[in-house]
Amino acid sequence: MSNKRIKAPAMQDITRHQAETLLFELAQAESRKKELSGEIEQKIQKIRDSYAGKLDPLNIAIEDRQKQLQFFAEKNKDEMFSKKKSIDLIHGIIGFRMGTPKLKTKKGFTWAAVLEMCRTKAPEFIRTKEELNKELMLASREDEKIFAKIDEVGALVDPDETFFIKLKEEELETV
């Protein structure tokens, strides 16, 4: 497999005819790239299909053994995992990991109810976030008064311009 770097040509002024030629060459390269990518995907899929019959029973066996080991560990949690979160077996380690702590509501509570309770009993758990409504500023930019306010507060509407190339797909097929 060749791993040679292709040196990019130096940028120079070109004519419209040269731009047409470059776009034609780009279209050819894109078409060939799609063709080769399709061939690669077909070969990969054939390989996957050929191994599926061998992998499926192994995946089922793995899942079954994992469930059995988890059942064993949960059933014996008090006696085997009371001091340590894991135990060493001959062929590996099984155990319990502490996940990232997360908040949940108690039974019968909703987050709205918790918020209401916090308003009176624990206001330090409530945050207020002040932020610009940039979407409103952009949506209102056509209004001259709003546009003047946007300018006055030190912001500006900057349309982001990017170069694009759109190949004509139907013509690519015949290239």
C-alpha atoms as a PDB file:
ATOM      1  CA  MET A   1       0.000   0.000   0.000  1.00  0.00           C
ATOM      2  CA  SER A   2       1.424   3.347  -1.014  1.00  0.00           C
ATOM      3  CA  ASN A   3       1.617   5.996   1.652  1.00  0.00           C
ATOM      4  CA  LYS A   4       3.169   8.810  -0.376  1.00  0.00           C
ATOM      5  CA  ARG A   5       2.271  12.374   0.404  1.00  0.00           C
ATOM      6  CA  ILE A   6       1.004  14.378  -2.539  1.00  0.00           C
ATOM      7  CA  LYS A   7       2.404  17.880  -2.527  1.00  0.00           C
ATOM      8  CA  ALA A   8      -0.242  20.545  -3.068  1.00  0.00           C
ATOM      9  CA  PRO A   9       0.463  22.740  -6.093  1.00  0.00           C
ATOM     10  CA  ALA A  10       1.331  26.369  -5.460  1.00  0.00           C
ATOM     11  CA  MET A  11      -1.666  28.682  -5.716  1.00  0.00           C
ATOM     12  CA  GLN A  12      -1.728  30.865  -8.812  1.00  0.00           C
ATOM     13  CA  ASP A  13      -4.121  32.931 -10.857  1.00  0.00           C
ATOM     14  CA  ILE A  14      -6.271  30.834 -13.166  1.00  0.00           C
ATOM     15  CA  THR A  15      -8.678  31.590 -16.007  1.00  0.00           C
ATOM     16  CA  ARG A  16     -12.343  30.631 -16.159  1.00  0.00           C
ATOM     17  CA  HIS A  17     -11.472  27.863 -18.647  1.00  0.00           C
ATOM     18  CA  GLN A  18      -8.884  26.495 -16.192  1.00  0.00           C
ATOM     19  CA  ALA A  19     -11.501  26.657 -13.406  1.00  0.00           C
ATOM     20  CA  GLU A  20     -13.864  24.601 -15.611  1.00  0.00           C
ATOM     21  CA  THR A  21     -11.097  22.057 -16.172  1.00  0.00           C
ATOM     22  CA  LEU A  22     -10.336  21.908 -12.434  1.00  0.00           C
ATOM     23  CA  LEU A  23     -14.017  21.375 -11.649  1.00  0.00           C
ATOM     24  CA  PHE A  24     -14.188  18.580 -14.262  1.00  0.00           C
ATOM     25  CA  GLU A  25     -11.132  16.918 -12.693  1.00  0.00           C
ATOM     26  CA  LEU A  26     -12.678  17.341  -9.242  1.00  0.00           C
ATOM     27  CA  ALA A  27     -15.901  15.721 -10.456  1.00  0.00           C
ATOM     28  CA  GLN A  28     -13.928  12.787 -11.904  1.00  0.00           C
ATOM     29  CA  ALA A  29     -11.991  12.311  -8.663  1.00  0.00           C
ATOM     30  CA  GLU A  30     -15.185  12.479  -6.559  1.00  0.00           C
ATOM     31  CA  SER A  31     -16.885   9.959  -8.838  1.00  0.00           C
ATOM     32  CA  ARG A  32     -13.946   7.538  -8.637  1.00  0.00           C
ATOM     33  CA  LYS A  33     -13.741   8.029  -4.860  1.00  0.00           C
ATOM     34  CA  LYS A  34     -17.451   7.110  -4.506  1.00  0.00           C
ATOM     35  CA  GLU A  35     -16.959   4.093  -6.731  1.00  0.00           C
ATOM     36  CA  LEU A  36     -13.989   2.819  -4.701  1.00  0.00           C
ATOM     37  CA  SER A  37     -15.738   3.538  -1.397  1.00  0.00           C
ATOM     38  CA  GLY A  38     -18.709   1.494  -2.602  1.00  0.00           C
ATOM     39  CA  GLU A  39     -16.419  -1.417  -3.498  1.00  0.00           C
ATOM     40  CA  ILE A  40     -14.785  -1.228  -0.067  1.00  0.00           C
ATOM     41  CA  GLU A  41     -18.171  -1.243   1.690  1.00  0.00           C
ATOM     42  CA  GLN A  42     -19.333  -4.248  -0.363  1.00  0.00           C
ATOM     43  CA  LYS A  43     -16.206  -6.210   0.566  1.00  0.00           C
ATOM     44  CA  ILE A  44     -16.517  -5.264   4.230  1.00  0.00           C
ATOM     45  CA  GLN A  45     -20.174  -6.337   4.234  1.00  0.00           C
ATOM     46  CA  LYS A  46     -19.263  -9.702   2.654  1.00  0.00           C
ATOM     47  CA  ILE A  47     -16.681 -10.260   5.396  1.00  0.00           C
ATOM     48  CA  ARG A  48     -19.198  -9.299   8.099  1.00  0.00           C
ATOM     49  CA  ASP A  49     -21.784 -11.655   6.588  1.00  0.00           C
ATOM     50  CA  SER A  50     -19.302 -14.529   6.427  1.00  0.00           C
ATOM     51  CA  TYR A  51     -18.468 -14.167  10.145  1.00  0.00           C
ATOM     52  CA  ALA A  52     -22.002 -13.450  11.391  1.00  0.00           C
ATOM     53  CA  GLY A  53     -22.834 -17.151  11.771  1.00  0.00           C
ATOM     54  CA  LYS A  54     -19.735 -17.640  13.914  1.00  0.00           C
ATOM     55  CA  LEU A  55     -20.150 -14.456  15.976  1.00  0.00           C
ATOM     56  CA  ASP A  56     -23.876 -14.700  16.803  1.00  0.00           C
ATOM     57  CA  PRO A  57     -23.600 -17.815  19.022  1.00  0.00           C
ATOM     58  CA  LEU A  58     -20.577 -16.301  20.779  1.00  0.00           C
ATOM     59  CA  ASN A  59     -22.451 -13.052  21.453  1.00  0.00           C
ATOM     60  CA  ILE A  60     -25.366 -15.028  22.904  1.00  0.00           C
ATOM     61  CA  ALA A  61     -22.998 -17.095  25.079  1.00  0.00           C
ATOM     62  CA  ILE A  62     -21.194 -13.962  26.300  1.00  0.00           C
ATOM     63  CA  GLU A  63     -24.436 -12.216  27.214  1.00  0.00           C
ATOM     64  CA  ASP A  64     -25.716 -15.346  28.992  1.00  0.00           C
ATOM     65  CA  ARG A  65     -22.506 -15.767  31.033  1.00  0.00           C
ATOM     66  CA  GLN A  66     -22.514 -12.076  31.965  1.00  0.00           C
ATOM     67  CA  LYS A  67     -26.112 -12.306  33.218  1.00  0.00           C
ATOM     68  CA  GLN A  68     -25.326 -15.447  35.236  1.00  0.00           C
ATOM     69  CA  LEU A  69     -22.269 -13.827  36.829  1.00  0.00           C
ATOM     70  CA  GLN A  70     -24.236 -10.686  37.637  1.00  0.00           C
ATOM     71  CA  PHE A  71     -26.999 -12.795  39.221  1.00  0.00           C
ATOM     72  CA  PHE A  72     -24.365 -14.656  41.286  1.00  0.00           C
ATOM     73  CA  ALA A  73     -22.753 -11.398  42.433  1.00  0.00           C
ATOM     74  CA  GLU A  74     -26.053  -9.716  43.340  1.00  0.00           C
ATOM     75  CA  LYS A  75     -27.250 -12.812  45.223  1.00  0.00           C
ATOM     76  CA  ASN A  76     -23.987 -12.974  47.224  1.00  0.00           C
ATOM     77  CA  LYS A  77     -23.428  -9.226  47.537  1.00  0.00           C
ATOM     78  CA  ASP A  78     -23.739  -9.055  51.318  1.00  0.00           C
ATOM     79  CA  GLU A  79     -21.268 -11.831  52.082  1.00  0.00           C
ATOM     80  CA  MET A  80     -18.748 -11.563  49.221  1.00  0.00           C
ATOM     81  CA  PHE A  81     -18.739  -7.812  48.536  1.00  0.00           C
ATOM     82  CA  SER A  82     -19.264  -6.371  52.020  1.00  0.00           C
ATOM     83  CA  LYS A  83     -15.625  -5.265  52.474  1.00  0.00           C
ATOM     84  CA  LYS A  84     -14.488  -4.902  48.866  1.00  0.00           C
ATOM     85  CA  LYS A  85     -16.366  -3.893  45.743  1.00  0.00           C
ATOM     86  CA  SER A  86     -14.744  -6.671  43.673  1.00  0.00           C
ATOM     87  CA  ILE A  87     -13.415 -10.190  43.998  1.00  0.00           C
ATOM     88  CA  ASP A  88     -10.623 -11.956  42.147  1.00  0.00           C
ATOM     89  CA  LEU A  89     -11.529 -15.184  40.438  1.00  0.00           C
ATOM     90  CA  ILE A  90      -9.115 -17.415  38.522  1.00  0.00           C
ATOM     91  CA  HIS A  91      -9.992 -15.971  35.107  1.00  0.00           C
ATOM     92  CA  GLY A  92     -10.891 -12.419  35.999  1.00  0.00           C
ATOM     93  CA  ILE A  93     -12.407  -9.974  38.437  1.00  0.00           C
ATOM     94  CA  ILE A  94     -16.093  -9.372  39.051  1.00  0.00           C
ATOM     95  CA  GLY A  95     -17.537  -6.621  41.143  1.00  0.00           C
ATOM     96  CA  PHE A  96     -19.552  -3.478  41.457  1.00  0.00           C
ATOM     97  CA  ARG A  97     -18.505  -0.004  40.406  1.00  0.00           C
ATOM     98  CA  MET A  98     -19.885   3.172  41.850  1.00  0.00           C
ATOM     99  CA  GLY A  99     -21.377   5.231  39.071  1.00  0.00           C
ATOM    100  CA  THR A 100     -21.483   8.984  38.828  1.00  0.00           C
ATOM    101  CA  PRO A 101     -23.881  10.273  41.479  1.00  0.00           C
ATOM    102  CA  LYS A 102     -27.124  11.648  40.096  1.00  0.00           C
ATOM    103  CA  LEU A 103     -30.189  13.198  41.599  1.00  0.00           C
ATOM    104  CA  LYS A 104     -33.581  11.558  41.415  1.00  0.00           C
ATOM    105  CA  THR A 105     -36.901  12.585  42.843  1.00  0.00           C
ATOM    106  CA  LYS A 106     -38.415  10.679  45.725  1.00  0.00           C
ATOM    107  CA  LYS A 107     -41.486   8.605  45.072  1.00  0.00           C
ATOM    108  CA  GLY A 108     -44.475  10.918  44.674  1.00  0.00           C
ATOM    109  CA  PHE A 109     -42.347  13.986  43.872  1.00  0.00           C
ATOM    110  CA  THR A 110     -41.753  15.715  40.547  1.00  0.00           C
ATOM    111  CA  TRP A 111     -38.918  18.095  39.745  1.00  0.00           C
ATOM    112  CA  ALA A 112     -41.446  20.945  39.764  1.00  0.00           C
ATOM    113  CA  ALA A 113     -42.447  19.985  43.311  1.00  0.00           C
ATOM    114  CA  VAL A 114     -38.800  19.831  44.386  1.00  0.00           C
ATOM    115  CA  LEU A 115     -38.260  23.318  42.910  1.00  0.00           C
ATOM    116  CA  GLU A 116     -41.240  24.672  44.871  1.00  0.00           C
ATOM    117  CA  MET A 117     -39.942  23.137  48.097  1.00  0.00           C
ATOM    118  CA  CYS A 118     -36.490  24.617  47.456  1.00  0.00           C
ATOM    119  CA  ARG A 119     -37.977  28.106  47.021  1.00  0.00           C
ATOM    120  CA  THR A 120     -39.023  28.111  50.672  1.00  0.00           C
ATOM    121  CA  LYS A 121     -36.634  25.668  52.371  1.00  0.00           C
ATOM    122  CA  ALA A 122     -33.377  25.738  50.387  1.00  0.00           C
ATOM    123  CA  PRO A 123     -33.151  28.722  47.991  1.00  0.00           C
ATOM    124  CA  GLU A 124     -29.384  28.191  47.687  1.00  0.00           C
ATOM    125  CA  PHE A 125     -30.157  25.210  45.423  1.00  0.00           C
ATOM    126  CA  ILE A 126     -31.874  27.457  42.861  1.00  0.00           C
ATOM    127  CA  ARG A 127     -29.846  29.238  40.236  1.00  0.00           C
ATOM    128  CA  THR A 128     -30.800  32.055  37.957  1.00  0.00           C
ATOM    129  CA  LYS A 129     -28.905  32.463  34.747  1.00  0.00           C
ATOM    130  CA  GLU A 130     -28.789  35.765  32.931  1.00  0.00           C
ATOM    131  CA  GLU A 131     -27.804  35.506  29.282  1.00  0.00           C
ATOM    132  CA  LEU A 132     -28.260  37.292  25.986  1.00  0.00           C
ATOM    133  CA  ASN A 133     -31.123  36.273  23.758  1.00  0.00           C
ATOM    134  CA  LYS A 134     -28.970  36.079  20.638  1.00  0.00           C
ATOM    135  CA  GLU A 135     -31.707  34.335  18.681  1.00  0.00           C
ATOM    136  CA  LEU A 136     -34.033  37.333  19.212  1.00  0.00           C
ATOM    137  CA  MET A 137     -31.257  39.737  18.230  1.00  0.00           C
ATOM    138  CA  LEU A 138     -30.676  37.839  14.962  1.00  0.00           C
ATOM    139  CA  ALA A 139     -34.374  37.427  14.229  1.00  0.00           C
ATOM    140  CA  SER A 140     -34.978  41.168  14.747  1.00  0.00           C
ATOM    141  CA  ARG A 141     -31.978  42.417  12.740  1.00  0.00           C
ATOM    142  CA  GLU A 142     -34.170  43.615   9.831  1.00  0.00           C
ATOM    143  CA  ASP A 143     -35.908  46.156  12.114  1.00  0.00           C
ATOM    144  CA  GLU A 144     -33.862  49.379  11.868  1.00  0.00           C
ATOM    145  CA  LYS A 145     -34.520  50.366  15.505  1.00  0.00           C
ATOM    146  CA  ILE A 146     -33.416  46.955  16.768  1.00  0.00           C
ATOM    147  CA  PHE A 147     -30.400  46.966  14.426  1.00  0.00           C
ATOM    148  CA  ALA A 148     -29.396  50.361  15.847  1.00  0.00           C
ATOM    149  CA  LYS A 149     -29.735  48.983  19.404  1.00  0.00           C
ATOM    150  CA  ILE A 150     -27.619  45.954  18.498  1.00  0.00           C
ATOM    151  CA  ASP A 151     -24.911  48.325  17.239  1.00  0.00           C
ATOM    152  CA  GLU A 152     -25.308  50.592  20.257  1.00  0.00           C
ATOM    153  CA  VAL A 153     -24.698  47.761  22.753  1.00  0.00           C
ATOM    154  CA  GLY A 154     -21.480  46.692  21.012  1.00  0.00           C
ATOM    155  CA  ALA A 155     -22.637  43.736  18.920  1.00  0.00           C
ATOM    156  CA  LEU A 156     -22.878  43.293  15.191  1.00  0.00           C
ATOM    157  CA  VAL A 157     -24.544  40.894  12.798  1.00  0.00           C
ATOM    158  CA  ASP A 158     -21.815  39.179  10.816  1.00  0.00           C
ATOM    159  CA  PRO A 159     -22.962  36.877   8.025  1.00  0.00           C
ATOM    160  CA  ASP A 160     -20.533  33.992   7.794  1.00  0.00           C
ATOM    161  CA  GLU A 161     -19.530  33.492   4.170  1.00  0.00           C
ATOM    162  CA  THR A 162     -17.921  30.235   3.116  1.00  0.00           C
ATOM    163  CA  PHE A 163     -16.787  28.893  -0.222  1.00  0.00           C
ATOM    164  CA  PHE A 164     -18.648  25.903  -1.638  1.00  0.00           C
ATOM    165  CA  ILE A 165     -18.532  23.518  -4.563  1.00  0.00           C
ATOM    166  CA  LYS A 166     -21.666  21.640  -5.631  1.00  0.00           C
ATOM    167  CA  LEU A 167     -21.059  19.024  -8.235  1.00  0.00           C
ATOM    168  CA  LYS A 168     -23.862  18.179 -10.631  1.00  0.00           C
ATOM    169  CA  GLU A 169     -24.475  14.571  -9.624  1.00  0.00           C
ATOM    170  CA  GLU A 170     -26.422  13.567 -12.732  1.00  0.00           C
ATOM    171  CA  GLU A 171     -23.493  14.602 -14.922  1.00  0.00           C
ATOM    172  CA  LEU A 172     -21.033  12.801 -12.658  1.00  0.00           C
ATOM    173  CA  GLU A 173     -22.517   9.427 -13.600  1.00  0.00           C
ATOM    174  CA  THR A 174     -21.465   9.875 -17.230  1.00  0.00           C
ATOM    175  CA  VAL A 175     -17.934  11.120 -16.424  1.00  0.00           C
END
